[in-house]
């Protein structure tokens, strides 16, 4: 921003000012605009619309005023195309704008970036808070949603008797399902206390249990008009209702708390009526198609039965012909049986003869066997006698050798066997201790010897 010159000067001075102290009006307005835009950030401003004008370029020009003041505003086409309502003279709105100056005229103005109806921000925040609360409480959970019956016996409508939505719903139900009775539960859908009355009517409809499904509906409108359906008391009544509830509130772009709690949300009241009612024309068409299919199926079944009957008729023959055929079959079987028996007897006879020949060929000769056994017995006795004689001779030789090697014969030749007290044989002089008692085995007896002293000597050979 260019530095603004110091406009203060001495009033008594009459000397001409230099060119540096004088600035153009356009530069002054531009500097002021920059100061305003820098000093006032983007903010929300509330007021009533006055002198609203839509230019050919699509820009909006109007004033915001209240009881104390007013200010000019401009909202360019790139911004106002996002506003979801048509501003009207005297309507209270809230605008998000920056403070600026229209430099060409030196007029202070607001450059509007967004616009909403006054109070809409607070209502929307309250809507979001309640939505979050009920969502955490489980009122929006899909598992608690009840299915809408496809063939309801009766349909209930909870709405105002003066609502255009009621006429749309009744005309749609009359067109689609004139055979289904409709029960209307009148209740105000807008204004003070409407939410509590809607909740009471839902409870009454559930208690009366006259219908299989309920339609909760009203026509479109602003968020303030639809606010009765954003109250917690209505949401709790829908949640505890024992009947399936279809919500058809507002237009397709309108969403309320009742839409989230209801078992099914319809885009419009007419859509809600179409959801709960079976299409009579479609049902009649289905019935006709089913009738034609059944008729064709029956005709096909009758044709098949007739064809089967003809086939059975061709197979039917007279009892006399059947008796002759059975007699021929019996005679044939008898011939086969006699032939089979004859063949079996002949075969068994041949087999018996063959076995007899084999038995005679294999039968042993008892006399020859007895003679052979006698000869074997004689040979066995002779062999046993010779074996006994040879064994006696070997025994005599072994007895003689044993007699020569017997310890007693050794002792008889003058030798002795010395045993210590534990019965072990003494083989060396070192094993004999003075004062010990040893046992001496001699040829004619045994004697205990007390050793007084031991003196070892070398053997003499």
Protein backbone atom coordinates (compact mmCIF):
# COMPACT_ATOMS: atom_id res chain seq x y z
CA UNK A 1 0.00 0.00 0.00
CA UNK A 2 1.45 3.39 -0.87
CA UNK A 3 2.24 5.60 2.07
CA UNK A 4 -0.46 8.19 2.57
CA UNK A 5 0.83 11.78 2.67
CA UNK A 6 0.49 13.81 5.80
CA UNK A 7 -2.50 16.11 5.10
CA UNK A 8 -2.04 18.23 8.24
CA UNK A 9 -0.47 21.65 7.66
CA UNK A 10 -0.28 25.01 9.29
CA UNK A 11 -3.54 26.90 8.44
CA UNK A 12 -1.71 30.22 8.44
CA UNK A 13 0.65 29.05 5.77
CA UNK A 14 -0.29 30.34 2.30
CA UNK A 15 2.73 28.99 0.43
CA UNK A 16 1.84 26.66 -2.45
CA UNK A 17 2.23 22.94 -1.70
CA UNK A 18 4.65 20.79 -3.61
CA UNK A 19 3.40 18.10 -6.07
CA UNK A 20 4.51 15.37 -3.68
CA UNK A 21 1.84 16.42 -1.10
CA UNK A 22 -1.12 15.98 -3.53
CA UNK A 23 -2.45 12.44 -4.49
CA UNK A 24 -5.20 11.47 -6.95
CA UNK A 25 -8.61 10.42 -5.69
CA UNK A 26 -8.29 6.97 -7.30
CA UNK A 27 -5.02 6.33 -5.47
CA UNK A 28 -6.58 7.50 -2.23
CA UNK A 29 -9.60 5.19 -2.63
CA UNK A 30 -7.34 2.29 -3.56
CA UNK A 31 -5.24 2.84 -0.44
CA UNK A 32 -8.36 3.04 1.73
CA UNK A 33 -9.69 -0.20 0.17
CA UNK A 34 -6.43 -1.96 0.94
CA UNK A 35 -6.51 -0.77 4.53
CA UNK A 36 -10.11 -1.98 4.95
CA UNK A 37 -9.44 -5.44 3.46
CA UNK A 38 -6.38 -5.85 5.65
CA UNK A 39 -8.03 -4.61 8.83
CA UNK A 40 -11.30 -6.58 8.60
CA UNK A 41 -10.94 -10.34 8.07
CA UNK A 42 -13.58 -12.58 6.50
CA UNK A 43 -16.57 -12.65 8.89
CA UNK A 44 -20.27 -13.45 9.12
CA UNK A 45 -22.66 -10.46 9.11
CA UNK A 46 -26.42 -10.61 9.83
CA UNK A 47 -29.09 -8.26 8.50
CA UNK A 48 -32.22 -7.87 6.37
CA UNK A 49 -32.06 -7.67 2.58
CA UNK A 50 -33.05 -4.34 1.04
CA UNK A 51 -32.99 -3.01 -2.54
CA UNK A 52 -32.15 -6.44 -3.97
CA UNK A 53 -31.17 -6.32 -7.67
CA UNK A 54 -30.06 -9.07 -10.03
CA UNK A 55 -27.90 -7.57 -12.79
CA UNK A 56 -27.84 -8.86 -16.37
CA UNK A 57 -24.35 -10.17 -15.67
CA UNK A 58 -25.77 -12.44 -12.94
CA UNK A 59 -24.25 -10.44 -10.03
CA UNK A 60 -26.42 -9.59 -7.01
CA UNK A 61 -26.51 -6.07 -5.56
CA UNK A 62 -28.36 -5.35 -2.33
CA UNK A 63 -28.11 -3.72 1.08
CA UNK A 64 -28.01 -5.30 4.52
CA UNK A 65 -29.72 -3.30 7.22
CA UNK A 66 -30.83 -3.52 10.79
CA UNK A 67 -32.46 -1.07 13.18
CA UNK A 68 -29.37 1.14 13.38
CA UNK A 69 -27.59 1.11 10.02
CA UNK A 70 -27.20 -0.39 6.55
CA UNK A 71 -24.33 -1.25 4.19
CA UNK A 72 -24.10 -1.95 0.47
CA UNK A 73 -23.26 -5.52 -0.62
CA UNK A 74 -22.25 -7.26 -3.84
CA UNK A 75 -22.24 -11.00 -4.54
CA UNK A 76 -20.73 -12.02 -7.86
CA UNK A 77 -22.19 -14.71 -10.10
CA UNK A 78 -19.43 -17.25 -9.33
CA UNK A 79 -20.47 -17.10 -5.67
CA UNK A 80 -24.26 -16.67 -5.76
CA UNK A 81 -24.81 -19.78 -7.93
CA UNK A 82 -24.05 -21.88 -4.84
CA UNK A 83 -26.87 -20.29 -2.75
CA UNK A 84 -29.71 -22.85 -2.37
CA UNK A 85 -32.55 -20.30 -2.03
CA UNK A 86 -33.79 -17.16 -3.74
CA UNK A 87 -33.25 -14.07 -1.54
CA UNK A 88 -36.32 -11.92 -1.05
CA UNK A 89 -36.82 -8.33 0.06
CA UNK A 90 -36.87 -8.05 3.83
CA UNK A 91 -35.57 -11.59 4.41
CA UNK A 92 -33.12 -11.99 7.29
CA UNK A 93 -29.87 -13.55 6.12
CA UNK A 94 -26.30 -14.13 7.25
CA UNK A 95 -23.48 -13.39 4.79
CA UNK A 96 -19.82 -14.33 4.91
CA UNK A 97 -18.04 -11.28 3.51
CA UNK A 98 -15.00 -9.04 3.50
CA UNK A 99 -15.15 -5.27 3.99
CA UNK A 100 -13.99 -3.39 0.90
CA UNK A 101 -14.56 -0.18 -1.06
CA UNK A 102 -15.96 0.32 -4.53
CA UNK A 103 -13.13 2.59 -5.62
CA UNK A 104 -14.94 4.09 -8.63
CA UNK A 105 -17.57 5.68 -6.38
CA UNK A 106 -15.76 5.70 -3.10
CA UNK A 107 -18.57 3.65 -1.50
CA UNK A 108 -18.01 1.25 1.38
CA UNK A 109 -19.38 -2.23 0.59
CA UNK A 110 -19.27 -5.91 1.59
CA UNK A 111 -17.91 -8.49 -0.86
CA UNK A 112 -20.17 -11.49 -0.10
CA UNK A 113 -18.62 -14.96 -0.42
CA UNK A 114 -21.53 -17.07 0.99
CA UNK A 115 -25.12 -16.55 2.11
CA UNK A 116 -27.54 -18.46 4.29
CA UNK A 117 -30.84 -17.75 5.97
CA UNK A 118 -30.52 -16.20 9.40
CA UNK A 119 -30.36 -18.87 12.09
CA UNK A 120 -29.59 -21.65 9.61
CA UNK A 121 -26.06 -22.03 10.96
CA UNK A 122 -27.31 -22.57 14.51
CA UNK A 123 -30.02 -24.95 13.34
CA UNK A 124 -27.56 -26.96 11.27
CA UNK A 125 -25.14 -27.19 14.19
CA UNK A 126 -28.00 -28.38 16.42
CA UNK A 127 -28.93 -30.89 13.68
CA UNK A 128 -25.37 -32.26 13.59
CA UNK A 129 -25.14 -32.49 17.40
CA UNK A 130 -28.42 -34.42 17.66
CA UNK A 131 -27.43 -36.67 14.75
CA UNK A 132 -24.13 -37.56 16.45
CA UNK A 133 -25.89 -38.18 19.78
CA UNK A 134 -28.53 -40.50 18.30
CA UNK A 135 -25.94 -42.28 16.17
CA UNK A 136 -23.89 -43.10 19.27
CA UNK A 137 -27.09 -44.28 20.99
CA UNK A 138 -27.58 -46.83 18.17
CA UNK A 139 -30.80 -45.39 16.71
CA UNK A 140 -29.28 -45.37 13.20
CA UNK A 141 -27.89 -48.92 13.40
CA UNK A 142 -28.85 -51.05 10.37
CA UNK A 143 -29.49 -54.14 12.55
CA UNK A 144 -32.45 -52.48 14.29
CA UNK A 145 -34.15 -51.58 11.00
CA UNK A 146 -37.30 -53.59 10.30
CA UNK A 147 -38.23 -54.79 6.82
CA UNK A 148 -41.22 -53.22 5.12
CA UNK A 149 -43.92 -55.83 4.30
CA UNK A 150 -44.30 -56.44 0.59
CA UNK A 151 -48.07 -57.13 0.88
CA UNK A 152 -49.41 -54.93 3.69
CA UNK A 153 -53.01 -55.51 4.76
CA UNK A 154 -53.38 -51.89 5.85
CA UNK A 155 -51.25 -48.73 5.50
CA UNK A 156 -51.13 -45.83 7.95
CA UNK A 157 -50.23 -42.22 7.07
CA UNK A 158 -49.07 -39.78 9.76
CA UNK A 159 -49.27 -36.22 8.40
CA UNK A 160 -51.40 -33.09 8.34
CA UNK A 161 -54.85 -33.18 6.75
CA UNK A 162 -54.05 -29.90 4.97
CA UNK A 163 -50.70 -31.10 3.61
CA UNK A 164 -50.34 -31.47 -0.14
CA UNK A 165 -48.18 -34.50 0.62
CA UNK A 166 -51.30 -36.32 1.93
CA UNK A 167 -53.06 -35.86 -1.39
CA UNK A 168 -50.00 -37.15 -3.25
CA UNK A 169 -49.75 -40.20 -0.98
CA UNK A 170 -53.48 -41.02 -1.19
CA UNK A 171 -53.57 -40.63 -4.98
CA UNK A 172 -50.48 -42.88 -5.34
CA UNK A 173 -51.97 -45.53 -3.02
CA UNK A 174 -55.32 -45.35 -4.84
CA UNK A 175 -53.56 -45.83 -8.16
CA UNK A 176 -51.16 -48.60 -7.11
CA UNK A 177 -53.13 -50.53 -4.45
CA UNK A 178 -56.82 -49.58 -4.32
CA UNK A 179 -57.55 -52.85 -2.48
CA UNK A 180 -55.42 -51.87 0.55
CA UNK A 181 -57.22 -49.80 3.20
CA UNK A 182 -55.52 -46.58 4.36
CA UNK A 183 -55.73 -45.10 7.85
CA UNK A 184 -54.81 -41.40 8.19
CA UNK A 185 -53.48 -40.19 11.55
CA UNK A 186 -53.87 -36.37 11.42
CA UNK A 187 -51.20 -34.34 13.15
CA UNK A 188 -49.66 -30.89 12.62
CA UNK A 189 -46.27 -31.12 10.93
CA UNK A 190 -45.07 -27.55 11.50
CA UNK A 191 -45.19 -24.99 14.28
CA UNK A 192 -44.84 -24.92 18.04
CA UNK A 193 -45.46 -28.27 19.72
CA UNK A 194 -45.71 -30.13 16.42
CA UNK A 195 -42.82 -32.48 17.30
CA UNK A 196 -44.49 -33.68 20.51
CA UNK A 197 -47.80 -34.18 18.71
CA UNK A 198 -46.08 -36.21 15.99
CA UNK A 199 -44.43 -38.40 18.64
CA UNK A 200 -47.76 -38.91 20.47
CA UNK A 201 -49.49 -39.86 17.24
CA UNK A 202 -46.78 -42.40 16.39
CA UNK A 203 -47.22 -43.97 19.84
CA UNK A 204 -51.01 -44.04 19.37
CA UNK A 205 -50.72 -45.67 15.94
CA UNK A 206 -48.38 -48.32 17.34
CA UNK A 207 -50.72 -48.99 20.27
CA UNK A 208 -53.80 -49.32 18.02
CA UNK A 209 -51.91 -51.70 15.67
CA UNK A 210 -54.39 -51.13 12.84
CA UNK A 211 -51.72 -51.10 10.13
CA UNK A 212 -48.79 -53.15 8.97
CA UNK A 213 -46.64 -50.11 8.07
CA UNK A 214 -46.64 -46.35 8.76
CA UNK A 215 -45.76 -43.47 6.39
CA UNK A 216 -44.47 -40.34 8.12
CA UNK A 217 -44.53 -37.55 5.54
CA UNK A 218 -44.86 -33.88 4.69
CA UNK A 219 -43.99 -31.66 1.74
CA UNK A 220 -40.78 -29.76 1.15
CA UNK A 221 -39.74 -26.52 2.79
CA UNK A 222 -36.90 -24.72 4.51
CA UNK A 223 -34.96 -26.22 7.38
CA UNK A 224 -37.14 -24.23 9.76
CA UNK A 225 -40.27 -25.70 8.19
CA UNK A 226 -38.93 -29.24 8.53
CA UNK A 227 -37.47 -28.74 12.00
CA UNK A 228 -40.25 -30.70 13.75
CA UNK A 229 -38.77 -33.83 12.15
CA UNK A 230 -35.33 -32.98 13.59
CA UNK A 231 -36.50 -33.11 17.21
CA UNK A 232 -35.25 -35.88 19.49
CA UNK A 233 -38.75 -36.66 20.75
CA UNK A 234 -39.82 -37.63 17.20
CA UNK A 235 -36.66 -39.73 16.73
CA UNK A 236 -37.28 -41.63 19.96
CA UNK A 237 -40.93 -42.22 19.00
CA UNK A 238 -39.89 -43.67 15.63
CA UNK A 239 -37.30 -45.90 17.32
CA UNK A 240 -39.76 -47.37 19.84
CA UNK A 241 -42.60 -47.74 17.33
CA UNK A 242 -43.50 -51.42 16.92
CA UNK A 243 -44.55 -50.88 13.29
CA UNK A 244 -42.14 -50.35 10.38
CA UNK A 245 -41.86 -46.61 9.64
CA UNK A 246 -41.14 -45.17 6.20
CA UNK A 247 -40.03 -41.53 6.21
CA UNK A 248 -41.00 -39.32 3.27
CA UNK A 249 -40.21 -35.82 4.48
CA UNK A 250 -39.46 -32.99 2.07
CA UNK A 251 -37.84 -33.26 -1.31
CA UNK A 252 -35.12 -35.66 -2.42
CA UNK A 253 -32.32 -33.32 -1.25
CA UNK A 254 -33.86 -32.77 2.20
CA UNK A 255 -32.55 -34.91 5.05
CA UNK A 256 -33.93 -34.95 8.59
CA UNK A 257 -33.22 -36.90 11.75
CA UNK A 258 -36.44 -38.83 11.12
CA UNK A 259 -34.97 -40.11 7.82
CA UNK A 260 -31.99 -41.64 9.63
CA UNK A 261 -34.06 -43.26 12.43
CA UNK A 262 -36.85 -44.57 10.18
CA UNK A 263 -36.67 -48.12 8.90
CA UNK A 264 -36.69 -46.87 5.29
CA UNK A 265 -36.12 -43.36 3.93
CA UNK A 266 -38.03 -42.32 0.81
CA UNK A 267 -36.96 -39.29 -1.28
CA UNK A 268 -40.50 -37.83 -1.35
CA UNK A 269 -43.95 -38.59 0.10
CA UNK A 270 -44.94 -40.07 -3.26
CA UNK A 271 -41.84 -42.27 -3.16
CA UNK A 272 -42.82 -43.44 0.33
CA UNK A 273 -46.26 -44.44 -0.93
CA UNK A 274 -44.67 -46.36 -3.79
CA UNK A 275 -42.31 -48.16 -1.38
CA UNK A 276 -45.04 -49.49 0.92
CA UNK A 277 -47.71 -50.33 -1.67
CA UNK A 278 -47.67 -53.22 -4.10
CA UNK A 279 -48.32 -52.21 -7.68
CA UNK A 280 -51.77 -53.62 -8.47
CA UNK A 281 -51.17 -53.58 -12.21
CA UNK A 282 -47.85 -55.34 -11.76
CA UNK A 283 -49.45 -57.93 -9.46
CA UNK A 284 -52.25 -58.52 -11.96
CA UNK A 285 -49.71 -58.95 -14.75
CA UNK A 286 -47.76 -61.41 -12.60
CA UNK A 287 -50.98 -63.29 -11.81
CA UNK A 288 -51.87 -63.51 -15.50
CA UNK A 289 -48.40 -64.77 -16.34
CA UNK A 290 -48.60 -67.33 -13.54
CA UNK A 291 -52.07 -68.40 -14.75
CA UNK A 292 -50.80 -68.85 -18.31
CA UNK A 293 -47.75 -70.77 -17.07
CA UNK A 294 -49.95 -73.00 -14.89
CA UNK A 295 -52.34 -73.60 -17.77
CA UNK A 296 -49.46 -74.52 -20.06
CA UNK A 297 -47.97 -76.79 -17.40
CA UNK A 298 -51.30 -78.58 -16.91
CA UNK A 299 -51.77 -78.99 -20.65
CA UNK A 300 -48.25 -80.41 -20.98
CA UNK A 301 -48.91 -82.79 -18.09
CA UNK A 302 -52.16 -83.99 -19.65
CA UNK A 303 -50.40 -84.58 -22.97
CA UNK A 304 -47.70 -86.61 -21.27
CA UNK A 305 -50.28 -88.66 -19.38
CA UNK A 306 -52.21 -89.30 -22.60
CA UNK A 307 -49.03 -90.41 -24.37
CA UNK A 308 -48.19 -92.73 -21.47
CA UNK A 309 -51.72 -94.13 -21.58
CA UNK A 310 -51.35 -94.90 -25.30
CA UNK A 311 -48.07 -96.66 -24.61
CA UNK A 312 -49.68 -98.74 -21.88
CA UNK A 313 -52.62 -99.56 -24.17
CA UNK A 314 -50.25 -100.91 -26.79
CA UNK A 315 -48.65 -103.16 -24.20
CA UNK A 316 -51.96 -104.62 -22.98
CA UNK A 317 -52.69 -108.15 -24.43
CA UNK A 318 -55.42 -110.76 -23.92
CA UNK A 319 -55.08 -113.12 -20.92
CA UNK A 320 -55.17 -116.21 -23.23
CA UNK A 321 -52.15 -114.93 -25.21
CA UNK A 322 -50.31 -114.14 -22.00
CA UNK A 323 -51.17 -117.67 -20.66
CA UNK A 324 -49.83 -119.32 -23.80
CA UNK A 325 -46.66 -117.26 -23.63
CA UNK A 326 -46.17 -118.13 -19.97
CA UNK A 327 -46.81 -121.89 -20.76
CA UNK A 328 -44.18 -121.77 -23.53
CA UNK A 329 -41.76 -120.11 -21.14
CA UNK A 330 -42.42 -122.81 -18.50
CA UNK A 331 -41.86 -125.63 -21.06
CA UNK A 332 -38.64 -124.00 -22.17
CA UNK A 333 -37.43 -123.65 -18.61
CA UNK A 334 -38.34 -127.28 -17.89
CA UNK A 335 -36.28 -128.49 -20.87
CA UNK A 336 -33.37 -126.39 -19.73
CA UNK A 337 -33.73 -127.79 -16.20
CA UNK A 338 -33.78 -131.46 -17.37
CA UNK A 339 -30.78 -130.86 -19.61
CA UNK A 340 -28.92 -129.16 -16.80
CA UNK A 341 -29.70 -132.04 -14.38
CA UNK A 342 -28.62 -134.66 -16.89
CA UNK A 343 -25.38 -132.86 -17.64
CA UNK A 344 -24.73 -132.46 -13.92
CA UNK A 345 -25.27 -136.17 -13.17
CA UNK A 346 -23.01 -137.25 -16.02
CA UNK A 347 -20.32 -134.84 -14.98
CA UNK A 348 -20.46 -135.94 -11.35
CA UNK A 349 -20.31 -139.63 -12.37
CA UNK A 350 -17.21 -139.04 -14.47
CA UNK A 351 -15.63 -137.13 -11.67
CA UNK A 352 -16.40 -139.95 -9.18
CA UNK A 353 -14.84 -142.52 -11.46
CA UNK A 354 -11.72 -140.41 -11.88
CA UNK A 355 -11.37 -139.98 -8.12
CA UNK A 356 -11.79 -143.77 -7.59
CA UNK A 357 -9.00 -144.46 -10.05
CA UNK A 358 -6.75 -141.96 -8.34
CA UNK A 359 -7.56 -143.48 -4.90
CA UNK A 360 -6.76 -146.98 -6.07
CA UNK A 361 -3.51 -145.76 -7.54
CA UNK A 362 -2.58 -144.03 -4.31
CA UNK A 363 -3.82 -146.77 -1.84
CA UNK A 364 -0.79 -148.25 0.17
CA UNK A 365 0.20 -152.06 0.27
CA UNK A 366 -0.22 -153.08 3.94
CA UNK A 367 1.63 -156.43 3.71
CA UNK A 368 4.66 -154.92 2.03
CA UNK A 369 4.60 -152.12 4.57
CA UNK A 370 4.52 -154.66 7.46
CA UNK A 371 7.46 -156.58 6.00
CA UNK A 372 9.39 -153.36 5.57
CA UNK A 373 8.67 -152.36 9.16
CA UNK A 374 9.89 -155.76 10.44
CA UNK A 375 13.13 -155.44 8.48
CA UNK A 376 13.62 -151.89 9.79
CA UNK A 377 12.97 -153.14 13.35
CA UNK A 378 15.62 -155.82 13.06
CA UNK A 379 18.09 -153.33 11.63
CA UNK A 380 17.26 -150.89 14.41
CA UNK A 381 17.85 -153.55 17.10
CA UNK A 382 21.18 -154.55 15.56
CA UNK A 383 22.25 -150.92 15.27
CA UNK A 384 21.21 -150.24 18.87
CA UNK A 385 23.23 -153.27 20.06
CA UNK A 386 26.32 -152.17 18.21
CA UNK A 387 25.88 -148.61 19.49
CA UNK A 388 25.57 -149.97 23.04
CA UNK A 389 28.73 -152.02 22.72
CA UNK A 390 30.71 -149.11 21.34
CA UNK A 391 29.44 -146.85 24.10
CA UNK A 392 30.47 -149.44 26.75
CA UNK A 393 33.95 -149.58 25.30
CA UNK A 394 34.28 -145.77 25.30
CA UNK A 395 33.04 -145.67 28.87
CA UNK A 396 35.62 -148.27 29.99
CA UNK A 397 38.45 -146.34 28.34
CA UNK A 398 37.28 -143.06 29.91
CA UNK A 399 36.99 -144.71 33.34
CA UNK A 400 40.55 -146.00 33.06
CA UNK A 401 41.86 -142.60 32.07
CA UNK A 402 39.89 -140.97 34.82
CA UNK A 403 41.21 -143.44 37.35
CA UNK A 404 44.75 -142.57 36.35
CA UNK A 405 44.05 -138.85 36.78
CA UNK A 406 42.03 -139.10 40.00
CA UNK A 407 43.30 -136.94 42.94
CA UNK A 408 43.18 -139.93 45.23
CA UNK A 409 45.78 -141.75 43.16
CA UNK A 410 47.95 -138.65 43.31
CA UNK A 411 47.60 -138.57 47.07
CA UNK A 412 48.42 -142.30 47.25
CA UNK A 413 51.72 -141.53 45.54
CA UNK A 414 52.64 -139.39 48.60
CA UNK A 415 51.30 -135.99 47.66
CA UNK A 416 49.02 -133.84 49.88
CA UNK A 417 46.63 -130.91 49.26
CA UNK A 418 46.81 -127.95 51.66
CA UNK A 419 43.73 -125.70 52.13
CA UNK A 420 43.48 -122.50 54.14
CA UNK A 421 40.63 -121.75 56.52
CA UNK A 422 38.48 -120.49 53.65
CA UNK A 423 38.96 -123.70 51.65
CA UNK A 424 41.34 -122.28 49.05
CA UNK A 425 44.29 -124.33 47.88
CA UNK A 426 47.72 -123.09 49.00
CA UNK A 427 50.22 -123.06 46.15
CA UNK A 428 53.12 -120.93 47.44
CA UNK A 429 55.02 -120.76 50.77
CA UNK A 430 54.18 -117.05 50.95
CA UNK A 431 50.50 -117.90 51.37
CA UNK A 432 51.22 -119.76 54.64
CA UNK A 433 51.26 -117.62 57.79
CA UNK A 434 52.79 -118.55 61.08
CA UNK A 435 50.14 -119.32 63.69
CA UNK A 436 47.53 -120.19 61.13
CA UNK A 437 45.69 -123.49 60.91
CA UNK A 438 45.62 -125.25 57.55
CA UNK A 439 43.80 -128.35 56.39
CA UNK A 440 45.89 -131.15 54.83
CA UNK A 441 44.23 -133.75 52.63
CA UNK A 442 46.22 -137.04 52.51
CA UNK A 443 45.56 -140.35 50.83
CA UNK A 444 44.08 -141.92 53.95
CA UNK A 445 42.42 -138.90 55.64
CA UNK A 446 42.38 -135.20 56.51
CA UNK A 447 44.33 -133.43 59.25
CA UNK A 448 44.38 -129.87 60.66
CA UNK A 449 47.88 -128.50 61.01
CA UNK A 450 48.89 -125.59 63.25
CA UNK A 451 51.78 -123.69 61.67
CA UNK A 452 54.40 -122.66 64.13
CA UNK A 453 56.75 -121.15 61.58
CA UNK A 454 57.29 -120.99 57.85
CA UNK A 455 60.64 -121.19 56.02
CA UNK A 456 60.54 -121.10 52.27
CA UNK A 457 62.96 -123.40 50.28
CA UNK A 458 63.70 -123.73 46.62
CA UNK A 459 62.29 -126.86 45.01
CA UNK A 460 64.65 -129.71 44.18
CA UNK A 461 64.15 -131.60 40.90
